[in-house]
């Protein structure tokens, strides 16, 4: 897979119905790793639960190449589309 498939998945994800928070965090982590590389900056504090969850989802992909992250994103979106028959 490559950049074209990744860009298509970015459009396809908009057709999905609402997803559980963990799925959204998985998508976020893969997207950020694919577009920005390894996480940077400080982990948000305990009171910023949403920011902390997003940071952790991205940090869990540390060391993953851009290509691996793009492929993972495309695969996850494809599985979700198939599951929801979109």
PDB file of N, CA and C in Angstrom:
ATOM      1  N   UNK A   1       0.852  -1.177   0.000  1.00  0.00           N
ATOM      2  CA  UNK A   1       0.000   0.000   0.000  1.00  0.00           C
ATOM      3  C   UNK A   1       0.893   1.234   0.000  1.00  0.00           C
ATOM      4  N   UNK A   2       0.300   2.342  -0.327  1.00  0.00           N
ATOM      5  CA  UNK A   2       1.092   3.550  -0.384  1.00  0.00           C
ATOM      6  C   UNK A   2       0.279   4.775  -0.031  1.00  0.00           C
ATOM      7  N   UNK A   3       0.835   5.915  -0.428  1.00  0.00           N
ATOM      8  CA  UNK A   3       0.224   7.198  -0.085  1.00  0.00           C
ATOM      9  C   UNK A   3      -1.174   7.353  -0.691  1.00  0.00           C
ATOM     10  N   UNK A   4      -1.383   6.879  -1.905  1.00  0.00           N
ATOM     11  CA  UNK A   4      -2.696   7.009  -2.551  1.00  0.00           C
ATOM     12  C   UNK A   4      -3.764   6.247  -1.769  1.00  0.00           C
ATOM     13  N   UNK A   5      -3.423   5.037  -1.333  1.00  0.00           N
ATOM     14  CA  UNK A   5      -4.373   4.246  -0.546  1.00  0.00           C
ATOM     15  C   UNK A   5      -4.653   4.919   0.795  1.00  0.00           C
ATOM     16  N   UNK A   6      -3.610   5.503   1.401  1.00  0.00           N
ATOM     17  CA  UNK A   6      -3.753   6.210   2.672  1.00  0.00           C
ATOM     18  C   UNK A   6      -4.696   7.406   2.502  1.00  0.00           C
ATOM     19  N   UNK A   7      -4.499   8.185   1.451  1.00  0.00           N
ATOM     20  CA  UNK A   7      -5.361   9.346   1.202  1.00  0.00           C
ATOM     21  C   UNK A   7      -6.806   8.926   0.938  1.00  0.00           C
ATOM     22  N   UNK A   8      -6.996   7.797   0.258  1.00  0.00           N
ATOM     23  CA  UNK A   8      -8.349   7.283   0.034  1.00  0.00           C
ATOM     24  C   UNK A   8      -8.977   6.868   1.363  1.00  0.00           C
ATOM     25  N   UNK A   9      -8.204   6.228   2.220  1.00  0.00           N
ATOM     26  CA  UNK A   9      -8.706   5.810   3.533  1.00  0.00           C
ATOM     27  C   UNK A   9      -9.089   7.023   4.376  1.00  0.00           C
ATOM     28  N   UNK A  10      -8.346   8.132   4.229  1.00  0.00           N
ATOM     29  CA  UNK A  10      -8.682   9.361   4.955  1.00  0.00           C
ATOM     30  C   UNK A  10     -10.061   9.866   4.544  1.00  0.00           C
ATOM     31  N   UNK A  11     -10.418   9.683   3.291  1.00  0.00           N
ATOM     32  CA  UNK A  11     -11.749  10.065   2.817  1.00  0.00           C
ATOM     33  C   UNK A  11     -12.790   9.025   3.236  1.00  0.00           C
ATOM     34  N   UNK A  12     -12.432   7.757   3.113  1.00  0.00           N
ATOM     35  CA  UNK A  12     -13.369   6.679   3.433  1.00  0.00           C
ATOM     36  C   UNK A  12     -13.794   6.688   4.894  1.00  0.00           C
ATOM     37  N   UNK A  13     -12.895   7.078   5.776  1.00  0.00           N
ATOM     38  CA  UNK A  13     -13.192   7.045   7.213  1.00  0.00           C
ATOM     39  C   UNK A  13     -14.367   7.964   7.556  1.00  0.00           C
ATOM     40  N   UNK A  14     -14.596   8.958   6.741  1.00  0.00           N
ATOM     41  CA  UNK A  14     -15.696   9.901   6.976  1.00  0.00           C
ATOM     42  C   UNK A  14     -17.059   9.240   6.772  1.00  0.00           C
ATOM     43  N   UNK A  15     -17.095   8.114   6.052  1.00  0.00           N
ATOM     44  CA  UNK A  15     -18.359   7.411   5.805  1.00  0.00           C
ATOM     45  C   UNK A  15     -18.744   6.480   6.940  1.00  0.00           C
ATOM     46  N   UNK A  16     -17.824   6.251   7.859  1.00  0.00           N
ATOM     47  CA  UNK A  16     -18.089   5.308   8.939  1.00  0.00           C
ATOM     48  C   UNK A  16     -19.071   5.879   9.954  1.00  0.00           C
ATOM     49  N   UNK A  17     -19.910   5.010  10.519  1.00  0.00           N
ATOM     50  CA  UNK A  17     -20.753   5.456  11.629  1.00  0.00           C
ATOM     51  C   UNK A  17     -19.868   5.703  12.850  1.00  0.00           C
ATOM     52  N   UNK A  18     -20.444   6.271  13.886  1.00  0.00           N
ATOM     53  CA  UNK A  18     -19.693   6.527  15.108  1.00  0.00           C
ATOM     54  C   UNK A  18     -18.995   5.251  15.570  1.00  0.00           C
ATOM     55  N   UNK A  19     -17.786   5.429  16.075  1.00  0.00           N
ATOM     56  CA  UNK A  19     -16.974   4.303  16.516  1.00  0.00           C
ATOM     57  C   UNK A  19     -16.694   4.410  18.016  1.00  0.00           C
ATOM     58  N   UNK A  20     -16.397   3.269  18.668  1.00  0.00           N
ATOM     59  CA  UNK A  20     -16.012   3.317  20.073  1.00  0.00           C
ATOM     60  C   UNK A  20     -14.727   4.126  20.248  1.00  0.00           C
ATOM     61  N   UNK A  21     -14.547   4.708  21.424  1.00  0.00           N
ATOM     62  CA  UNK A  21     -13.360   5.542  21.653  1.00  0.00           C
ATOM     63  C   UNK A  21     -12.043   4.836  21.342  1.00  0.00           C
ATOM     64  N   UNK A  22     -11.919   3.551  21.650  1.00  0.00           N
ATOM     65  CA  UNK A  22     -10.648   2.865  21.396  1.00  0.00           C
ATOM     66  C   UNK A  22     -10.334   2.793  19.913  1.00  0.00           C
ATOM     67  N   UNK A  23     -11.340   2.602  19.090  1.00  0.00           N
ATOM     68  CA  UNK A  23     -11.136   2.562  17.636  1.00  0.00           C
ATOM     69  C   UNK A  23     -10.675   3.937  17.151  1.00  0.00           C
ATOM     70  N   UNK A  24     -11.311   4.984  17.666  1.00  0.00           N
ATOM     71  CA  UNK A  24     -10.921   6.343  17.279  1.00  0.00           C
ATOM     72  C   UNK A  24      -9.485   6.632  17.710  1.00  0.00           C
ATOM     73  N   UNK A  25      -9.100   6.154  18.884  1.00  0.00           N
ATOM     74  CA  UNK A  25      -7.721   6.350  19.349  1.00  0.00           C
ATOM     75  C   UNK A  25      -6.738   5.574  18.477  1.00  0.00           C
ATOM     76  N   UNK A  26      -7.108   4.367  18.065  1.00  0.00           N
ATOM     77  CA  UNK A  26      -6.245   3.593  17.162  1.00  0.00           C
ATOM     78  C   UNK A  26      -6.048   4.341  15.838  1.00  0.00           C
ATOM     79  N   UNK A  27      -7.142   4.860  15.287  1.00  0.00           N
ATOM     80  CA  UNK A  27      -7.052   5.635  14.048  1.00  0.00           C
ATOM     81  C   UNK A  27      -6.177   6.866  14.237  1.00  0.00           C
ATOM     82  N   UNK A  28      -6.375   7.565  15.352  1.00  0.00           N
ATOM     83  CA  UNK A  28      -5.599   8.771  15.638  1.00  0.00           C
ATOM     84  C   UNK A  28      -4.105   8.452  15.737  1.00  0.00           C
ATOM     85  N   UNK A  29      -3.773   7.420  16.506  1.00  0.00           N
ATOM     86  CA  UNK A  29      -2.367   7.064  16.682  1.00  0.00           C
ATOM     87  C   UNK A  29      -1.691   6.711  15.379  1.00  0.00           C
ATOM     88  N   UNK A  30      -2.370   5.930  14.555  1.00  0.00           N
ATOM     89  CA  UNK A  30      -1.801   5.565  13.257  1.00  0.00           C
ATOM     90  C   UNK A  30      -1.680   6.780  12.344  1.00  0.00           C
ATOM     91  N   UNK A  31      -2.706   7.629  12.342  1.00  0.00           N
ATOM     92  CA  UNK A  31      -2.670   8.831  11.507  1.00  0.00           C
ATOM     93  C   UNK A  31      -1.498   9.736  11.899  1.00  0.00           C
ATOM     94  N   UNK A  32      -1.362   9.998  13.195  1.00  0.00           N
ATOM     95  CA  UNK A  32      -0.287  10.892  13.649  1.00  0.00           C
ATOM     96  C   UNK A  32       1.085  10.295  13.352  1.00  0.00           C
ATOM     97  N   UNK A  33       1.237   8.992  13.549  1.00  0.00           N
ATOM     98  CA  UNK A  33       2.527   8.358  13.259  1.00  0.00           C
ATOM     99  C   UNK A  33       2.828   8.438  11.765  1.00  0.00           C
ATOM    100  N   UNK A  34       1.810   8.269  10.934  1.00  0.00           N
ATOM    101  CA  UNK A  34       2.004   8.313   9.485  1.00  0.00           C
ATOM    102  C   UNK A  34       2.322   9.717   8.996  1.00  0.00           C
ATOM    103  N   UNK A  35       1.743  10.723   9.636  1.00  0.00           N
ATOM    104  CA  UNK A  35       1.900  12.090   9.134  1.00  0.00           C
ATOM    105  C   UNK A  35       2.952  12.919   9.859  1.00  0.00           C
ATOM    106  N   UNK A  36       3.273  12.551  11.094  1.00  0.00           N
ATOM    107  CA  UNK A  36       4.201  13.380  11.872  1.00  0.00           C
ATOM    108  C   UNK A  36       5.369  12.601  12.461  1.00  0.00           C
ATOM    109  N   UNK A  37       5.364  11.284  12.349  1.00  0.00           N
ATOM    110  CA  UNK A  37       6.439  10.484  12.928  1.00  0.00           C
ATOM    111  C   UNK A  37       6.238  10.283  14.423  1.00  0.00           C
ATOM    112  N   UNK A  38       7.334   9.971  15.115  1.00  0.00           N
ATOM    113  CA  UNK A  38       7.247   9.684  16.541  1.00  0.00           C
ATOM    114  C   UNK A  38       6.709  10.866  17.331  1.00  0.00           C
ATOM    115  N   UNK A  39       5.966  10.532  18.385  1.00  0.00           N
ATOM    116  CA  UNK A  39       5.364  11.528  19.263  1.00  0.00           C
ATOM    117  C   UNK A  39       6.448  12.431  19.849  1.00  0.00           C
ATOM    118  N   UNK A  40       6.085  13.682  20.054  1.00  0.00           N
ATOM    119  CA  UNK A  40       7.023  14.629  20.661  1.00  0.00           C
ATOM    120  C   UNK A  40       6.278  15.429  21.721  1.00  0.00           C
ATOM    121  N   UNK A  41       7.029  16.105  22.541  1.00  0.00           N
ATOM    122  CA  UNK A  41       6.430  16.924  23.586  1.00  0.00           C
ATOM    123  C   UNK A  41       6.145  16.117  24.837  1.00  0.00           C
ATOM    124  N   UNK A  42       5.668  16.823  25.834  1.00  0.00           N
ATOM    125  CA  UNK A  42       5.356  16.199  27.116  1.00  0.00           C
ATOM    126  C   UNK A  42       3.982  15.557  27.085  1.00  0.00           C
ATOM    127  N   UNK A  43       3.863  14.489  27.827  1.00  0.00           N
ATOM    128  CA  UNK A  43       2.567  13.821  27.996  1.00  0.00           C
ATOM    129  C   UNK A  43       1.664  14.736  28.817  1.00  0.00           C
ATOM    130  N   UNK A  44       0.431  14.967  28.363  1.00  0.00           N
ATOM    131  CA  UNK A  44      -0.490  15.819  29.118  1.00  0.00           C
ATOM    132  C   UNK A  44      -0.725  15.286  30.535  1.00  0.00           C
ATOM    133  N   UNK A  45      -1.064  16.193  31.420  1.00  0.00           N
ATOM    134  CA  UNK A  45      -1.287  15.845  32.818  1.00  0.00           C
ATOM    135  C   UNK A  45      -2.551  15.036  33.029  1.00  0.00           C
ATOM    136  N   UNK A  46      -2.726  14.575  34.262  1.00  0.00           N
ATOM    137  CA  UNK A  46      -3.857  13.724  34.624  1.00  0.00           C
ATOM    138  C   UNK A  46      -5.212  14.375  34.384  1.00  0.00           C
ATOM    139  N   UNK A  47      -5.291  15.672  34.481  1.00  0.00           N
ATOM    140  CA  UNK A  47      -6.573  16.350  34.315  1.00  0.00           C
ATOM    141  C   UNK A  47      -7.004  16.471  32.860  1.00  0.00           C
ATOM    142  N   UNK A  48      -6.064  16.309  31.945  1.00  0.00           N
ATOM    143  CA  UNK A  48      -6.375  16.346  30.514  1.00  0.00           C
ATOM    144  C   UNK A  48      -6.490  14.908  30.009  1.00  0.00           C
ATOM    145  N   UNK A  49      -7.587  14.249  30.369  1.00  0.00           N
ATOM    146  CA  UNK A  49      -7.739  12.824  30.043  1.00  0.00           C
ATOM    147  C   UNK A  49      -7.788  12.570  28.537  1.00  0.00           C
ATOM    148  N   UNK A  50      -8.468  13.447  27.810  1.00  0.00           N
ATOM    149  CA  UNK A  50      -8.573  13.272  26.357  1.00  0.00           C
ATOM    150  C   UNK A  50      -7.198  13.451  25.706  1.00  0.00           C
ATOM    151  N   UNK A  51      -6.505  14.514  26.070  1.00  0.00           N
ATOM    152  CA  UNK A  51      -5.179  14.761  25.521  1.00  0.00           C
ATOM    153  C   UNK A  51      -4.203  13.656  25.868  1.00  0.00           C
ATOM    154  N   UNK A  52      -4.315  13.149  27.077  1.00  0.00           N
ATOM    155  CA  UNK A  52      -3.442  12.068  27.537  1.00  0.00           C
ATOM    156  C   UNK A  52      -3.716  10.785  26.747  1.00  0.00           C
ATOM    157  N   UNK A  53      -4.978  10.468  26.517  1.00  0.00           N
ATOM    158  CA  UNK A  53      -5.337   9.266  25.751  1.00  0.00           C
ATOM    159  C   UNK A  53      -4.828   9.367  24.313  1.00  0.00           C
ATOM    160  N   UNK A  54      -4.963  10.551  23.714  1.00  0.00           N
ATOM    161  CA  UNK A  54      -4.485  10.745  22.348  1.00  0.00           C
ATOM    162  C   UNK A  54      -2.960  10.627  22.293  1.00  0.00           C
ATOM    163  N   UNK A  55      -2.284  11.243  23.263  1.00  0.00           N
ATOM    164  CA  UNK A  55      -0.829  11.163  23.335  1.00  0.00           C
ATOM    165  C   UNK A  55      -0.393   9.704  23.445  1.00  0.00           C
ATOM    166  N   UNK A  56      -1.044   8.954  24.335  1.00  0.00           N
ATOM    167  CA  UNK A  56      -0.686   7.552  24.547  1.00  0.00           C
ATOM    168  C   UNK A  56      -0.936   6.712  23.295  1.00  0.00           C
ATOM    169  N   UNK A  57      -2.032   6.985  22.582  1.00  0.00           N
ATOM    170  CA  UNK A  57      -2.328   6.250  21.346  1.00  0.00           C
ATOM    171  C   UNK A  57      -1.238   6.493  20.304  1.00  0.00           C
ATOM    172  N   UNK A  58      -0.772   7.723  20.229  1.00  0.00           N
ATOM    173  CA  UNK A  58       0.303   8.054  19.291  1.00  0.00           C
ATOM    174  C   UNK A  58       1.627   7.455  19.771  1.00  0.00           C
ATOM    175  N   UNK A  59       1.918   7.604  21.054  1.00  0.00           N
ATOM    176  CA  UNK A  59       3.178   7.105  21.609  1.00  0.00           C
ATOM    177  C   UNK A  59       3.288   5.586  21.467  1.00  0.00           C
ATOM    178  N   UNK A  60       2.165   4.892  21.461  1.00  0.00           N
ATOM    179  CA  UNK A  60       2.203   3.434  21.333  1.00  0.00           C
ATOM    180  C   UNK A  60       2.710   3.000  19.956  1.00  0.00           C
ATOM    181  N   UNK A  61       2.766   3.924  19.016  1.00  0.00           N
ATOM    182  CA  UNK A  61       3.253   3.629  17.656  1.00  0.00           C
ATOM    183  C   UNK A  61       4.718   4.057  17.471  1.00  0.00           C
ATOM    184  N   UNK A  62       5.358   4.514  18.533  1.00  0.00           N
ATOM    185  CA  UNK A  62       6.743   5.000  18.456  1.00  0.00           C
ATOM    186  C   UNK A  62       7.624   3.955  17.760  1.00  0.00           C
ATOM    187  N   UNK A  63       8.422   4.419  16.817  1.00  0.00           N
ATOM    188  CA  UNK A  63       9.332   3.544  16.093  1.00  0.00           C
ATOM    189  C   UNK A  63       8.738   2.931  14.834  1.00  0.00           C
ATOM    190  N   UNK A  64       7.429   3.042  14.667  1.00  0.00           N
ATOM    191  CA  UNK A  64       6.767   2.521  13.472  1.00  0.00           C
ATOM    192  C   UNK A  64       7.083   3.449  12.299  1.00  0.00           C
ATOM    193  N   UNK A  65       7.422   2.868  11.165  1.00  0.00           N
ATOM    194  CA  UNK A  65       7.739   3.694   9.995  1.00  0.00           C
ATOM    195  C   UNK A  65       6.465   4.347   9.448  1.00  0.00           C
ATOM    196  N   UNK A  66       6.658   5.387   8.659  1.00  0.00           N
ATOM    197  CA  UNK A  66       5.540   6.058   8.005  1.00  0.00           C
ATOM    198  C   UNK A  66       4.737   5.067   7.179  1.00  0.00           C
ATOM    199  N   UNK A  67       5.428   4.223   6.435  1.00  0.00           N
ATOM    200  CA  UNK A  67       4.758   3.250   5.578  1.00  0.00           C
ATOM    201  C   UNK A  67       3.946   2.243   6.395  1.00  0.00           C
ATOM    202  N   UNK A  68       4.523   1.772   7.504  1.00  0.00           N
ATOM    203  CA  UNK A  68       3.808   0.822   8.360  1.00  0.00           C
ATOM    204  C   UNK A  68       2.554   1.470   8.948  1.00  0.00           C
ATOM    205  N   UNK A  69       2.676   2.717   9.368  1.00  0.00           N
ATOM    206  CA  UNK A  69       1.533   3.420   9.948  1.00  0.00           C
ATOM    207  C   UNK A  69       0.451   3.651   8.892  1.00  0.00           C
ATOM    208  N   UNK A  70       0.850   4.043   7.698  1.00  0.00           N
ATOM    209  CA  UNK A  70      -0.122   4.224   6.616  1.00  0.00           C
ATOM    210  C   UNK A  70      -0.829   2.908   6.308  1.00  0.00           C
ATOM    211  N   UNK A  71      -0.057   1.831   6.210  1.00  0.00           N
ATOM    212  CA  UNK A  71      -0.641   0.522   5.922  1.00  0.00           C
ATOM    213  C   UNK A  71      -1.605   0.106   7.029  1.00  0.00           C
ATOM    214  N   UNK A  72      -1.220   0.340   8.278  1.00  0.00           N
ATOM    215  CA  UNK A  72      -2.089   0.001   9.399  1.00  0.00           C
ATOM    216  C   UNK A  72      -3.380   0.790   9.380  1.00  0.00           C
ATOM    217  N   UNK A  73      -3.290   2.065   9.033  1.00  0.00           N
ATOM    218  CA  UNK A  73      -4.473   2.922   8.955  1.00  0.00           C
ATOM    219  C   UNK A  73      -5.400   2.427   7.845  1.00  0.00           C
ATOM    220  N   UNK A  74      -4.837   2.163   6.668  1.00  0.00           N
ATOM    221  CA  UNK A  74      -5.629   1.693   5.518  1.00  0.00           C
ATOM    222  C   UNK A  74      -6.310   0.370   5.875  1.00  0.00           C
ATOM    223  N   UNK A  75      -5.575  -0.525   6.507  1.00  0.00           N
ATOM    224  CA  UNK A  75      -6.129  -1.826   6.877  1.00  0.00           C
ATOM    225  C   UNK A  75      -7.258  -1.682   7.903  1.00  0.00           C
ATOM    226  N   UNK A  76      -7.048  -0.844   8.912  1.00  0.00           N
ATOM    227  CA  UNK A  76      -8.081  -0.652   9.931  1.00  0.00           C
ATOM    228  C   UNK A  76      -9.342  -0.041   9.333  1.00  0.00           C
ATOM    229  N   UNK A  77      -9.190   0.980   8.497  1.00  0.00           N
ATOM    230  CA  UNK A  77     -10.351   1.599   7.854  1.00  0.00           C
ATOM    231  C   UNK A  77     -11.062   0.577   6.967  1.00  0.00           C
ATOM    232  N   UNK A  78     -10.301  -0.200   6.215  1.00  0.00           N
ATOM    233  CA  UNK A  78     -10.892  -1.226   5.364  1.00  0.00           C
ATOM    234  C   UNK A  78     -11.699  -2.237   6.171  1.00  0.00           C
ATOM    235  N   UNK A  79     -11.144  -2.670   7.299  1.00  0.00           N
ATOM    236  CA  UNK A  79     -11.854  -3.621   8.165  1.00  0.00           C
ATOM    237  C   UNK A  79     -13.131  -3.012   8.720  1.00  0.00           C
ATOM    238  N   UNK A  80     -13.076  -1.756   9.114  1.00  0.00           N
ATOM    239  CA  UNK A  80     -14.256  -1.074   9.667  1.00  0.00           C
ATOM    240  C   UNK A  80     -15.340  -0.892   8.596  1.00  0.00           C
ATOM    241  N   UNK A  81     -14.918  -0.524   7.390  1.00  0.00           N
ATOM    242  CA  UNK A  81     -15.880  -0.379   6.298  1.00  0.00           C
ATOM    243  C   UNK A  81     -16.563  -1.693   5.986  1.00  0.00           C
ATOM    244  N   UNK A  82     -15.770  -2.751   5.972  1.00  0.00           N
ATOM    245  CA  UNK A  82     -16.307  -4.083   5.695  1.00  0.00           C
ATOM    246  C   UNK A  82     -17.280  -4.505   6.811  1.00  0.00           C
ATOM    247  N   UNK A  83     -16.880  -4.271   8.041  1.00  0.00           N
ATOM    248  CA  UNK A  83     -17.708  -4.641   9.196  1.00  0.00           C
ATOM    249  C   UNK A  83     -19.060  -3.926   9.179  1.00  0.00           C
ATOM    250  N   UNK A  84     -19.038  -2.674   8.761  1.00  0.00           N
ATOM    251  CA  UNK A  84     -20.257  -1.862   8.759  1.00  0.00           C
ATOM    252  C   UNK A  84     -20.932  -1.840   7.390  1.00  0.00           C
ATOM    253  N   UNK A  85     -20.390  -2.606   6.447  1.00  0.00           N
ATOM    254  CA  UNK A  85     -20.958  -2.710   5.107  1.00  0.00           C
ATOM    255  C   UNK A  85     -21.179  -1.338   4.471  1.00  0.00           C
ATOM    256  N   UNK A  86     -20.119  -0.515   4.533  1.00  0.00           N
ATOM    257  CA  UNK A  86     -20.193   0.849   3.972  1.00  0.00           C
ATOM    258  C   UNK A  86     -19.678   0.866   2.543  1.00  0.00           C
TER     259      UNK A  86
END
